[in-house]
Full PDB file with SEQRES, HELIX, SHEET, SSBOND, CRYST1, ORIGX, SCALE, CONECT and MASTER records, all heavy atoms in Angstrom:
SEQRES   1 A   43  LEU ASP LEU ALA GLN ALA GLU ALA VAL ALA ASP LEU ILE          
SEQRES   2 A   43  ASP ALA ALA SER ARG GLU ALA ALA ARG SER ALA MET ARG          
SEQRES   3 A   43  SER LEU ARG GLY ASP PHE SER ALA ALA ILE ALA ARG LEU          
SEQRES   4 A   43  VAL ALA GLY LEU                                              
HELIX    1 AA1 LEU A    3  ASP A   14  1                                  12    
HELIX    2 AA2 ARG A   18  ARG A   29  1                                  12    
HELIX    3 AA3 ASP A   31  GLY A   42  1                                  12    
CRYST1    1.000    1.000    1.000  90.00  90.00  90.00 P 1           1          
ORIGX1      1.000000  0.000000  0.000000        0.00000                         
ORIGX2      0.000000  1.000000  0.000000        0.00000                         
ORIGX3      0.000000  0.000000  1.000000        0.00000                         
SCALE1      1.000000  0.000000  0.000000        0.00000                         
SCALE2      0.000000  1.000000  0.000000        0.00000                         
SCALE3      0.000000  0.000000  1.000000        0.00000                         
ATOM      1  N   LEU A   1       6.269   9.178  -1.002  1.00  0.00           N  
ATOM      2  CA  LEU A   1       6.023   8.045  -1.872  1.00  0.00           C  
ATOM      3  C   LEU A   1       7.335   7.730  -2.611  1.00  0.00           C  
ATOM      4  O   LEU A   1       8.127   8.612  -2.896  1.00  0.00           O  
ATOM      5  CB  LEU A   1       4.963   8.419  -2.926  1.00  0.00           C  
ATOM      6  CG  LEU A   1       3.567   8.863  -2.515  1.00  0.00           C  
ATOM      7  CD1 LEU A   1       2.782   9.438  -3.681  1.00  0.00           C  
ATOM      8  CD2 LEU A   1       2.811   7.716  -1.858  1.00  0.00           C  
ATOM      9  N   ASP A   2       7.487   6.488  -3.030  1.00  0.00           N  
ATOM     10  CA  ASP A   2       8.561   6.194  -3.952  1.00  0.00           C  
ATOM     11  C   ASP A   2       7.981   6.258  -5.363  1.00  0.00           C  
ATOM     12  O   ASP A   2       6.792   6.592  -5.520  1.00  0.00           O  
ATOM     13  CB  ASP A   2       9.217   4.834  -3.702  1.00  0.00           C  
ATOM     14  CG  ASP A   2       8.322   3.657  -3.916  1.00  0.00           C  
ATOM     15  OD1 ASP A   2       7.387   3.721  -4.757  1.00  0.00           O  
ATOM     16  OD2 ASP A   2       8.469   2.611  -3.253  1.00  0.00           O  
ATOM     17  N   LEU A   3       8.812   6.122  -6.368  1.00  0.00           N  
ATOM     18  CA  LEU A   3       8.383   6.412  -7.726  1.00  0.00           C  
ATOM     19  C   LEU A   3       7.295   5.418  -8.192  1.00  0.00           C  
ATOM     20  O   LEU A   3       6.323   5.760  -8.866  1.00  0.00           O  
ATOM     21  CB  LEU A   3       9.570   6.274  -8.666  1.00  0.00           C  
ATOM     22  CG  LEU A   3       9.380   6.946 -10.081  1.00  0.00           C  
ATOM     23  CD1 LEU A   3       8.854   8.378  -9.968  1.00  0.00           C  
ATOM     24  CD2 LEU A   3      10.719   6.885 -10.869  1.00  0.00           C  
ATOM     25  N   ALA A   4       7.409   4.153  -7.777  1.00  0.00           N  
ATOM     26  CA  ALA A   4       6.345   3.168  -8.170  1.00  0.00           C  
ATOM     27  C   ALA A   4       5.017   3.515  -7.507  1.00  0.00           C  
ATOM     28  O   ALA A   4       4.018   3.329  -8.113  1.00  0.00           O  
ATOM     29  CB  ALA A   4       6.827   1.783  -7.771  1.00  0.00           C  
ATOM     30  N   GLN A   5       5.070   3.949  -6.258  1.00  0.00           N  
ATOM     31  CA  GLN A   5       3.840   4.364  -5.598  1.00  0.00           C  
ATOM     32  C   GLN A   5       3.234   5.618  -6.271  1.00  0.00           C  
ATOM     33  O   GLN A   5       2.015   5.700  -6.405  1.00  0.00           O  
ATOM     34  CB  GLN A   5       4.100   4.603  -4.101  1.00  0.00           C  
ATOM     35  CG  GLN A   5       4.397   3.401  -3.316  1.00  0.00           C  
ATOM     36  CD  GLN A   5       4.796   3.761  -1.848  1.00  0.00           C  
ATOM     37  OE1 GLN A   5       5.795   4.415  -1.605  1.00  0.00           O  
ATOM     38  NE2 GLN A   5       3.981   3.324  -0.915  1.00  0.00           N  
ATOM     39  N   ALA A   6       4.095   6.520  -6.622  1.00  0.00           N  
ATOM     40  CA  ALA A   6       3.631   7.776  -7.314  1.00  0.00           C  
ATOM     41  C   ALA A   6       2.927   7.420  -8.584  1.00  0.00           C  
ATOM     42  O   ALA A   6       1.851   7.976  -8.901  1.00  0.00           O  
ATOM     43  CB  ALA A   6       4.809   8.709  -7.558  1.00  0.00           C  
ATOM     44  N   GLU A   7       3.488   6.498  -9.356  1.00  0.00           N  
ATOM     45  CA  GLU A   7       2.853   6.117 -10.603  1.00  0.00           C  
ATOM     46  C   GLU A   7       1.538   5.417 -10.340  1.00  0.00           C  
ATOM     47  O   GLU A   7       0.568   5.445 -11.147  1.00  0.00           O  
ATOM     48  CB  GLU A   7       3.796   5.189 -11.412  1.00  0.00           C  
ATOM     49  CG  GLU A   7       4.997   5.971 -11.976  1.00  0.00           C  
ATOM     50  CD  GLU A   7       6.060   5.017 -12.555  1.00  0.00           C  
ATOM     51  OE1 GLU A   7       6.477   4.110 -11.832  1.00  0.00           O  
ATOM     52  OE2 GLU A   7       6.425   5.244 -13.718  1.00  0.00           O  
ATOM     53  N   ALA A   8       1.481   4.666  -9.202  1.00  0.00           N  
ATOM     54  CA  ALA A   8       0.255   4.012  -8.864  1.00  0.00           C  
ATOM     55  C   ALA A   8      -0.936   4.954  -8.627  1.00  0.00           C  
ATOM     56  O   ALA A   8      -2.075   4.562  -8.810  1.00  0.00           O  
ATOM     57  CB  ALA A   8       0.471   3.085  -7.633  1.00  0.00           C  
ATOM     58  N   VAL A   9      -0.600   6.137  -8.202  1.00  0.00           N  
ATOM     59  CA  VAL A   9      -1.650   7.185  -7.999  1.00  0.00           C  
ATOM     60  C   VAL A   9      -2.339   7.416  -9.353  1.00  0.00           C  
ATOM     61  O   VAL A   9      -3.591   7.400  -9.445  1.00  0.00           O  
ATOM     62  CB  VAL A   9      -1.056   8.502  -7.498  1.00  0.00           C  
ATOM     63  CG1 VAL A   9      -2.127   9.589  -7.470  1.00  0.00           C  
ATOM     64  CG2 VAL A   9      -0.483   8.251  -6.080  1.00  0.00           C  
ATOM     65  N   ALA A  10      -1.563   7.648 -10.400  1.00  0.00           N  
ATOM     66  CA  ALA A  10      -2.128   7.841 -11.769  1.00  0.00           C  
ATOM     67  C   ALA A  10      -2.845   6.633 -12.218  1.00  0.00           C  
ATOM     68  O   ALA A  10      -3.901   6.717 -12.873  1.00  0.00           O  
ATOM     69  CB  ALA A  10      -1.054   8.272 -12.710  1.00  0.00           C  
ATOM     70  N   ASP A  11      -2.290   5.456 -12.002  1.00  0.00           N  
ATOM     71  CA  ASP A  11      -2.930   4.235 -12.416  1.00  0.00           C  
ATOM     72  C   ASP A  11      -4.257   3.963 -11.701  1.00  0.00           C  
ATOM     73  O   ASP A  11      -5.200   3.463 -12.340  1.00  0.00           O  
ATOM     74  CB  ASP A  11      -1.995   3.038 -12.147  1.00  0.00           C  
ATOM     75  CG  ASP A  11      -0.749   3.053 -13.030  1.00  0.00           C  
ATOM     76  OD1 ASP A  11      -0.790   3.661 -14.094  1.00  0.00           O  
ATOM     77  OD2 ASP A  11       0.273   2.434 -12.629  1.00  0.00           O  
ATOM     78  N   LEU A  12      -4.310   4.362 -10.474  1.00  0.00           N  
ATOM     79  CA  LEU A  12      -5.615   4.209  -9.707  1.00  0.00           C  
ATOM     80  C   LEU A  12      -6.678   5.122 -10.348  1.00  0.00           C  
ATOM     81  O   LEU A  12      -7.802   4.713 -10.458  1.00  0.00           O  
ATOM     82  CB  LEU A  12      -5.392   4.548  -8.245  1.00  0.00           C  
ATOM     83  CG  LEU A  12      -6.568   4.332  -7.337  1.00  0.00           C  
ATOM     84  CD1 LEU A  12      -7.062   2.888  -7.309  1.00  0.00           C  
ATOM     85  CD2 LEU A  12      -6.198   4.760  -5.901  1.00  0.00           C  
ATOM     86  N   ILE A  13      -6.308   6.338 -10.701  1.00  0.00           N  
ATOM     87  CA  ILE A  13      -7.221   7.243 -11.333  1.00  0.00           C  
ATOM     88  C   ILE A  13      -7.657   6.729 -12.690  1.00  0.00           C  
ATOM     89  O   ILE A  13      -8.882   6.831 -13.045  1.00  0.00           O  
ATOM     90  CB  ILE A  13      -6.591   8.638 -11.442  1.00  0.00           C  
ATOM     91  CG1 ILE A  13      -6.335   9.223 -10.075  1.00  0.00           C  
ATOM     92  CG2 ILE A  13      -7.506   9.588 -12.278  1.00  0.00           C  
ATOM     93  CD1 ILE A  13      -5.508  10.550 -10.093  1.00  0.00           C  
ATOM     94  N   ASP A  14      -6.742   6.141 -13.426  1.00  0.00           N  
ATOM     95  CA  ASP A  14      -7.038   5.708 -14.798  1.00  0.00           C  
ATOM     96  C   ASP A  14      -7.548   4.263 -14.921  1.00  0.00           C  
ATOM     97  O   ASP A  14      -7.775   3.787 -16.017  1.00  0.00           O  
ATOM     98  CB  ASP A  14      -5.793   5.834 -15.665  1.00  0.00           C  
ATOM     99  CG  ASP A  14      -5.366   7.322 -15.836  1.00  0.00           C  
ATOM    100  OD1 ASP A  14      -6.218   8.170 -15.749  1.00  0.00           O  
ATOM    101  OD2 ASP A  14      -4.170   7.546 -16.034  1.00  0.00           O  
ATOM    102  N   ALA A  15      -7.687   3.555 -13.762  1.00  0.00           N  
ATOM    103  CA  ALA A  15      -8.070   2.140 -13.809  1.00  0.00           C  
ATOM    104  C   ALA A  15      -9.319   1.927 -14.613  1.00  0.00           C  
ATOM    105  O   ALA A  15     -10.334   2.594 -14.392  1.00  0.00           O  
ATOM    106  CB  ALA A  15      -8.186   1.599 -12.413  1.00  0.00           C  
ATOM    107  N   ALA A  16      -9.304   0.955 -15.543  1.00  0.00           N  
ATOM    108  CA  ALA A  16     -10.401   0.689 -16.439  1.00  0.00           C  
ATOM    109  C   ALA A  16     -11.253  -0.432 -15.918  1.00  0.00           C  
ATOM    110  O   ALA A  16     -12.289  -0.755 -16.517  1.00  0.00           O  
ATOM    111  CB  ALA A  16      -9.918   0.369 -17.844  1.00  0.00           C  
ATOM    112  N   SER A  17     -10.924  -1.053 -14.788  1.00  0.00           N  
ATOM    113  CA  SER A  17     -11.698  -2.156 -14.238  1.00  0.00           C  
ATOM    114  C   SER A  17     -11.445  -2.173 -12.731  1.00  0.00           C  
ATOM    115  O   SER A  17     -10.484  -1.584 -12.193  1.00  0.00           O  
ATOM    116  CB  SER A  17     -11.328  -3.495 -14.878  1.00  0.00           C  
ATOM    117  OG  SER A  17     -10.003  -3.868 -14.489  1.00  0.00           O  
ATOM    118  N   ARG A  18     -12.392  -2.886 -12.035  1.00  0.00           N  
ATOM    119  CA  ARG A  18     -12.256  -3.022 -10.567  1.00  0.00           C  
ATOM    120  C   ARG A  18     -10.926  -3.701 -10.205  1.00  0.00           C  
ATOM    121  O   ARG A  18     -10.259  -3.368  -9.276  1.00  0.00           O  
ATOM    122  CB  ARG A  18     -13.441  -3.758 -10.008  1.00  0.00           C  
ATOM    123  CG  ARG A  18     -13.383  -3.955  -8.496  1.00  0.00           C  
ATOM    124  CD  ARG A  18     -14.578  -4.574  -7.966  1.00  0.00           C  
ATOM    125  NE  ARG A  18     -15.713  -3.650  -8.024  1.00  0.00           N  
ATOM    126  CZ  ARG A  18     -16.926  -3.917  -7.558  1.00  0.00           C  
ATOM    127  NH1 ARG A  18     -17.167  -5.064  -6.932  1.00  0.00           N  
ATOM    128  NH2 ARG A  18     -17.903  -3.019  -7.657  1.00  0.00           N  
ATOM    129  N   GLU A  19     -10.599  -4.746 -10.990  1.00  0.00           N  
ATOM    130  CA  GLU A  19      -9.394  -5.513 -10.682  1.00  0.00           C  
ATOM    131  C   GLU A  19      -8.128  -4.657 -10.879  1.00  0.00           C  
ATOM    132  O   GLU A  19      -7.177  -4.719 -10.111  1.00  0.00           O  
ATOM    133  CB  GLU A  19      -9.307  -6.770 -11.542  1.00  0.00           C  
ATOM    134  CG  GLU A  19      -8.271  -7.784 -11.090  1.00  0.00           C  
ATOM    135  CD  GLU A  19      -8.427  -8.233  -9.705  1.00  0.00           C  
ATOM    136  OE1 GLU A  19      -9.605  -8.470  -9.291  1.00  0.00           O  
ATOM    137  OE2 GLU A  19      -7.440  -8.369  -8.957  1.00  0.00           O  
ATOM    138  N   ALA A  20      -8.138  -3.821 -11.963  1.00  0.00           N  
ATOM    139  CA  ALA A  20      -7.015  -2.872 -12.142  1.00  0.00           C  
ATOM    140  C   ALA A  20      -6.957  -1.867 -11.008  1.00  0.00           C  
ATOM    141  O   ALA A  20      -5.850  -1.532 -10.548  1.00  0.00           O  
ATOM    142  CB  ALA A  20      -7.216  -2.141 -13.478  1.00  0.00           C  
ATOM    143  N   ALA A  21      -8.054  -1.410 -10.513  1.00  0.00           N  
ATOM    144  CA  ALA A  21      -8.077  -0.466  -9.385  1.00  0.00           C  
ATOM    145  C   ALA A  21      -7.519  -1.130  -8.123  1.00  0.00           C  
ATOM    146  O   ALA A  21      -6.764  -0.534  -7.392  1.00  0.00           O  
ATOM    147  CB  ALA A  21      -9.488   0.053  -9.119  1.00  0.00           C  
ATOM    148  N   ARG A  22      -7.879  -2.389  -7.908  1.00  0.00           N  
ATOM    149  CA  ARG A  22      -7.346  -3.099  -6.746  1.00  0.00           C  
ATOM    150  C   ARG A  22      -5.849  -3.271  -6.803  1.00  0.00           C  
ATOM    151  O   ARG A  22      -5.118  -3.090  -5.834  1.00  0.00           O  
ATOM    152  CB  ARG A  22      -8.004  -4.460  -6.613  1.00  0.00           C  
ATOM    153  CG  ARG A  22      -9.501  -4.450  -6.222  1.00  0.00           C  
ATOM    154  CD  ARG A  22     -10.121  -5.842  -6.293  1.00  0.00           C  
ATOM    155  NE  ARG A  22     -11.476  -5.809  -5.833  1.00  0.00           N  
ATOM    156  CZ  ARG A  22     -12.342  -6.835  -6.041  1.00  0.00           C  
ATOM    157  NH1 ARG A  22     -11.916  -7.922  -6.678  1.00  0.00           N  
ATOM    158  NH2 ARG A  22     -13.544  -6.769  -5.594  1.00  0.00           N  
ATOM    159  N   SER A  23      -5.354  -3.607  -8.029  1.00  0.00           N  
ATOM    160  CA  SER A  23      -3.892  -3.789  -8.211  1.00  0.00           C  
ATOM    161  C   SER A  23      -3.182  -2.475  -8.030  1.00  0.00           C  
ATOM    162  O   SER A  23      -2.089  -2.428  -7.430  1.00  0.00           O  
ATOM    163  CB  SER A  23      -3.616  -4.378  -9.613  1.00  0.00           C  
ATOM    164  OG  SER A  23      -4.139  -5.679  -9.682  1.00  0.00           O  
ATOM    165  N   ALA A  24      -3.757  -1.387  -8.559  1.00  0.00           N  
ATOM    166  CA  ALA A  24      -3.154  -0.073  -8.340  1.00  0.00           C  
ATOM    167  C   ALA A  24      -3.077   0.324  -6.882  1.00  0.00           C  
ATOM    168  O   ALA A  24      -2.124   0.913  -6.438  1.00  0.00           O  
ATOM    169  CB  ALA A  24      -3.915   0.995  -9.184  1.00  0.00           C  
ATOM    170  N   MET A  25      -4.172  -0.023  -6.152  1.00  0.00           N  
ATOM    171  CA  MET A  25      -4.192   0.297  -4.726  1.00  0.00           C  
ATOM    172  C   MET A  25      -3.130  -0.489  -3.984  1.00  0.00           C  
ATOM    173  O   MET A  25      -2.483  -0.003  -3.074  1.00  0.00           O  
ATOM    174  CB  MET A  25      -5.562  -0.056  -4.198  1.00  0.00           C  
ATOM    175  CG  MET A  25      -5.863   0.540  -2.800  1.00  0.00           C  
ATOM    176  SD  MET A  25      -5.815   2.352  -2.801  1.00  0.00           S  
ATOM    177  CE  MET A  25      -4.653   2.630  -1.440  1.00  0.00           C  
ATOM    178  N   ARG A  26      -2.909  -1.775  -4.413  1.00  0.00           N  
ATOM    179  CA  ARG A  26      -1.837  -2.540  -3.789  1.00  0.00           C  
ATOM    180  C   ARG A  26      -0.471  -1.899  -3.985  1.00  0.00           C  
ATOM    181  O   ARG A  26       0.321  -1.849  -3.102  1.00  0.00           O  
ATOM    182  CB  ARG A  26      -1.890  -3.952  -4.314  1.00  0.00           C  
ATOM    183  CG  ARG A  26      -2.973  -4.820  -3.721  1.00  0.00           C  
ATOM    184  CD  ARG A  26      -2.810  -6.266  -4.032  1.00  0.00           C  
ATOM    185  NE  ARG A  26      -3.128  -6.578  -5.439  1.00  0.00           N  
ATOM    186  CZ  ARG A  26      -4.308  -7.005  -5.901  1.00  0.00           C  
ATOM    187  NH1 ARG A  26      -5.268  -7.150  -5.009  1.00  0.00           N  
ATOM    188  NH2 ARG A  26      -4.520  -7.237  -7.136  1.00  0.00           N  
ATOM    189  N   SER A  27      -0.291  -1.395  -5.213  1.00  0.00           N  
ATOM    190  CA  SER A  27       0.993  -0.684  -5.486  1.00  0.00           C  
ATOM    191  C   SER A  27       1.104   0.571  -4.714  1.00  0.00           C  
ATOM    192  O   SER A  27       2.178   0.907  -4.243  1.00  0.00           O  
ATOM    193  CB  SER A  27       1.133  -0.429  -7.026  1.00  0.00           C  
ATOM    194  OG  SER A  27       1.265  -1.661  -7.728  1.00  0.00           O  
ATOM    195  N   LEU A  28       0.000   1.292  -4.582  1.00  0.00           N  
ATOM    196  CA  LEU A  28       0.050   2.534  -3.847  1.00  0.00           C  
ATOM    197  C   LEU A  28       0.334   2.272  -2.381  1.00  0.00           C  
ATOM    198  O   LEU A  28       1.015   3.060  -1.704  1.00  0.00           O  
ATOM    199  CB  LEU A  28      -1.302   3.275  -4.008  1.00  0.00           C  
ATOM    200  CG  LEU A  28      -1.436   4.632  -3.277  1.00  0.00           C  
ATOM    201  CD1 LEU A  28      -0.313   5.567  -3.733  1.00  0.00           C  
ATOM    202  CD2 LEU A  28      -2.783   5.221  -3.537  1.00  0.00           C  
ATOM    203  N   ARG A  29      -0.180   1.182  -1.815  1.00  0.00           N  
ATOM    204  CA  ARG A  29       0.138   0.804  -0.444  1.00  0.00           C  
ATOM    205  C   ARG A  29       1.598   0.380  -0.286  1.00  0.00           C  
ATOM    206  O   ARG A  29       2.082   0.289   0.834  1.00  0.00           O  
ATOM    207  CB  ARG A  29      -0.760  -0.352   0.018  1.00  0.00           C  
ATOM    208  CG  ARG A  29      -2.164  -0.005   0.274  1.00  0.00           C  
ATOM    209  CD  ARG A  29      -2.815  -1.019   1.178  1.00  0.00           C  
ATOM    210  NE  ARG A  29      -2.491  -2.431   0.726  1.00  0.00           N  
ATOM    211  CZ  ARG A  29      -3.361  -3.161   0.006  1.00  0.00           C  
ATOM    212  NH1 ARG A  29      -4.550  -2.700  -0.271  1.00  0.00           N  
ATOM    213  NH2 ARG A  29      -3.019  -4.392  -0.346  1.00  0.00           N  
ATOM    214  N   GLY A  30       2.251   0.035  -1.415  1.00  0.00           N  
ATOM    215  CA  GLY A  30       3.647  -0.268  -1.296  1.00  0.00           C  
ATOM    216  C   GLY A  30       3.989  -1.765  -1.515  1.00  0.00           C  
ATOM    217  O   GLY A  30       5.158  -2.182  -1.340  1.00  0.00           O  
ATOM    218  N   ASP A  31       3.023  -2.577  -1.974  1.00  0.00           N  
ATOM    219  CA  ASP A  31       3.271  -4.016  -2.163  1.00  0.00           C  
ATOM    220  C   ASP A  31       4.330  -4.275  -3.247  1.00  0.00           C  
ATOM    221  O   ASP A  31       5.221  -5.063  -3.072  1.00  0.00           O  
ATOM    222  CB  ASP A  31       1.977  -4.727  -2.575  1.00  0.00           C  
ATOM    223  CG  ASP A  31       0.989  -4.779  -1.393  1.00  0.00           C  
ATOM    224  OD1 ASP A  31       1.279  -4.183  -0.367  1.00  0.00           O  
ATOM    225  OD2 ASP A  31      -0.067  -5.388  -1.554  1.00  0.00           O  
ATOM    226  N   PHE A  32       4.188  -3.551  -4.360  1.00  0.00           N  
ATOM    227  CA  PHE A  32       5.177  -3.718  -5.464  1.00  0.00           C  
ATOM    228  C   PHE A  32       6.556  -3.182  -4.997  1.00  0.00           C  
ATOM    229  O   PHE A  32       7.573  -3.876  -5.218  1.00  0.00           O  
ATOM    230  CB  PHE A  32       4.686  -2.909  -6.681  1.00  0.00           C  
ATOM    231  CG  PHE A  32       5.540  -3.060  -7.877  1.00  0.00           C  
ATOM    232  CD1 PHE A  32       6.202  -4.281  -8.170  1.00  0.00           C  
ATOM    233  CD2 PHE A  32       5.727  -2.012  -8.778  1.00  0.00           C  
ATOM    234  CE1 PHE A  32       6.981  -4.418  -9.325  1.00  0.00           C  
ATOM    235  CE2 PHE A  32       6.475  -2.140  -9.890  1.00  0.00           C  
ATOM    236  CZ  PHE A  32       7.145  -3.354 -10.198  1.00  0.00           C  
ATOM    237  N   SER A  33       6.552  -2.069  -4.370  1.00  0.00           N  
ATOM    238  CA  SER A  33       7.860  -1.511  -3.855  1.00  0.00           C  
ATOM    239  C   SER A  33       8.482  -2.428  -2.844  1.00  0.00           C  
ATOM    240  O   SER A  33       9.723  -2.600  -2.806  1.00  0.00           O  
ATOM    241  CB  SER A  33       7.621  -0.122  -3.242  1.00  0.00           C  
ATOM    242  OG  SER A  33       7.043   0.784  -4.170  1.00  0.00           O  
ATOM    243  N   ALA A  34       7.668  -3.076  -1.998  1.00  0.00           N  
ATOM    244  CA  ALA A  34       8.204  -4.030  -1.022  1.00  0.00           C  
ATOM    245  C   ALA A  34       8.827  -5.190  -1.626  1.00  0.00           C  
ATOM    246  O   ALA A  34       9.862  -5.743  -1.218  1.00  0.00           O  
ATOM    247  CB  ALA A  34       7.124  -4.468  -0.048  1.00  0.00           C  
ATOM    248  N   ALA A  35       8.238  -5.691  -2.744  1.00  0.00           N  
ATOM    249  CA  ALA A  35       8.807  -6.840  -3.477  1.00  0.00           C  
ATOM    250  C   ALA A  35      10.157  -6.465  -4.062  1.00  0.00           C  
ATOM    251  O   ALA A  35      11.119  -7.252  -4.064  1.00  0.00           O  
ATOM    252  CB  ALA A  35       7.807  -7.342  -4.535  1.00  0.00           C  
ATOM    253  N   ILE A  36      10.191  -5.258  -4.679  1.00  0.00           N  
ATOM    254  CA  ILE A  36      11.452  -4.780  -5.216  1.00  0.00           C  
ATOM    255  C   ILE A  36      12.493  -4.578  -4.105  1.00  0.00           C  
ATOM    256  O   ILE A  36      13.697  -4.909  -4.251  1.00  0.00           O  
ATOM    257  CB  ILE A  36      11.260  -3.452  -5.982  1.00  0.00           C  
ATOM    258  CG1 ILE A  36      10.272  -3.651  -7.134  1.00  0.00           C  
ATOM    259  CG2 ILE A  36      12.599  -2.911  -6.513  1.00  0.00           C  
ATOM    260  CD1 ILE A  36      10.743  -4.675  -8.165  1.00  0.00           C  
ATOM    261  N   ALA A  37      12.060  -4.043  -2.961  1.00  0.00           N  
ATOM    262  CA  ALA A  37      12.989  -3.821  -1.855  1.00  0.00           C  
ATOM    263  C   ALA A  37      13.583  -5.125  -1.346  1.00  0.00           C  
ATOM    264  O   ALA A  37      14.743  -5.197  -0.937  1.00  0.00           O  
ATOM    265  CB  ALA A  37      12.289  -3.111  -0.727  1.00  0.00           C  
ATOM    266  N   ARG A  38      12.750  -6.231  -1.339  1.00  0.00           N  
ATOM    267  CA  ARG A  38      13.295  -7.518  -0.923  1.00  0.00           C  
ATOM    268  C   ARG A  38      14.374  -8.007  -1.829  1.00  0.00           C  
ATOM    269  O   ARG A  38      15.412  -8.571  -1.403  1.00  0.00           O  
ATOM    270  CB  ARG A  38      12.151  -8.520  -0.802  1.00  0.00           C  
ATOM    271  CG  ARG A  38      11.260  -8.368   0.397  1.00  0.00           C  
ATOM    272  CD  ARG A  38      10.346  -9.534   0.635  1.00  0.00           C  
ATOM    273  NE  ARG A  38       9.347  -9.666  -0.462  1.00  0.00           N  
ATOM    274  CZ  ARG A  38       8.151  -9.045  -0.451  1.00  0.00           C  
ATOM    275  NH1 ARG A  38       7.828  -8.266   0.565  1.00  0.00           N  
ATOM    276  NH2 ARG A  38       7.317  -9.219  -1.431  1.00  0.00           N  
ATOM    277  N   LEU A  39      14.146  -7.815  -3.126  1.00  0.00           N  
ATOM    278  CA  LEU A  39      15.187  -8.212  -4.111  1.00  0.00           C  
ATOM    279  C   LEU A  39      16.465  -7.390  -3.931  1.00  0.00           C  
ATOM    280  O   LEU A  39      17.566  -7.914  -3.966  1.00  0.00           O  
ATOM    281  CB  LEU A  39      14.604  -8.026  -5.505  1.00  0.00           C  
ATOM    282  CG  LEU A  39      13.586  -9.047  -6.029  1.00  0.00           C  
ATOM    283  CD1 LEU A  39      12.988  -8.553  -7.347  1.00  0.00           C  
ATOM    284  CD2 LEU A  39      14.243 -10.397  -6.168  1.00  0.00           C  
ATOM    285  N   VAL A  40      16.315  -6.099  -3.743  1.00  0.00           N  
ATOM    286  CA  VAL A  40      17.471  -5.252  -3.535  1.00  0.00           C  
ATOM    287  C   VAL A  40      18.217  -5.614  -2.290  1.00  0.00           C  
ATOM    288  O   VAL A  40      19.451  -5.656  -2.260  1.00  0.00           O  
ATOM    289  CB  VAL A  40      17.024  -3.732  -3.513  1.00  0.00           C  
ATOM    290  CG1 VAL A  40      18.148  -2.843  -3.076  1.00  0.00           C  
ATOM    291  CG2 VAL A  40      16.513  -3.352  -4.887  1.00  0.00           C  
ATOM    292  N   ALA A  41      17.494  -5.915  -1.230  1.00  0.00           N  
ATOM    293  CA  ALA A  41      18.137  -6.313   0.037  1.00  0.00           C  
ATOM    294  C   ALA A  41      18.896  -7.630  -0.131  1.00  0.00           C  
ATOM    295  O   ALA A  41      20.023  -7.734   0.352  1.00  0.00           O  
ATOM    296  CB  ALA A  41      17.091  -6.476   1.137  1.00  0.00           C  
ATOM    297  N   GLY A  42      18.350  -8.546  -0.893  1.00  0.00           N  
ATOM    298  CA  GLY A  42      19.048  -9.786  -1.142  1.00  0.00           C  
ATOM    299  C   GLY A  42      20.296  -9.567  -1.959  1.00  0.00           C  
ATOM    300  O   GLY A  42      21.356 -10.167  -1.758  1.00  0.00           O  
ATOM    301  N   LEU A  43      20.167  -8.679  -2.956  1.00  0.00           N  
ATOM    302  CA  LEU A  43      21.342  -8.359  -3.784  1.00  0.00           C  
ATOM    303  C   LEU A  43      22.434  -7.633  -2.934  1.00  0.00           C  
ATOM    304  O   LEU A  43      23.629  -7.904  -3.122  1.00  0.00           O  
ATOM    305  CB  LEU A  43      20.954  -7.472  -4.950  1.00  0.00           C  
ATOM    306  CG  LEU A  43      20.357  -8.164  -6.188  1.00  0.00           C  
ATOM    307  CD1 LEU A  43      19.762  -7.170  -7.086  1.00  0.00           C  
ATOM    308  CD2 LEU A  43      21.445  -8.959  -6.869  1.00  0.00           C  
TER     309      LEU A  43                                                      
MASTER        0    0    0    3    0    0    0    6  308    1    0    4          
END                                                                             
């Protein structure tokens, strides 16, 4: 896992709503990391 995905594990456990759990799951799958990776690649 990268660091953002690792933090998403804790966020998924602590999610206070279904929408928060869905967003945490997206981060755990790597959606947030992929967005950051695209920015880094462009840079």
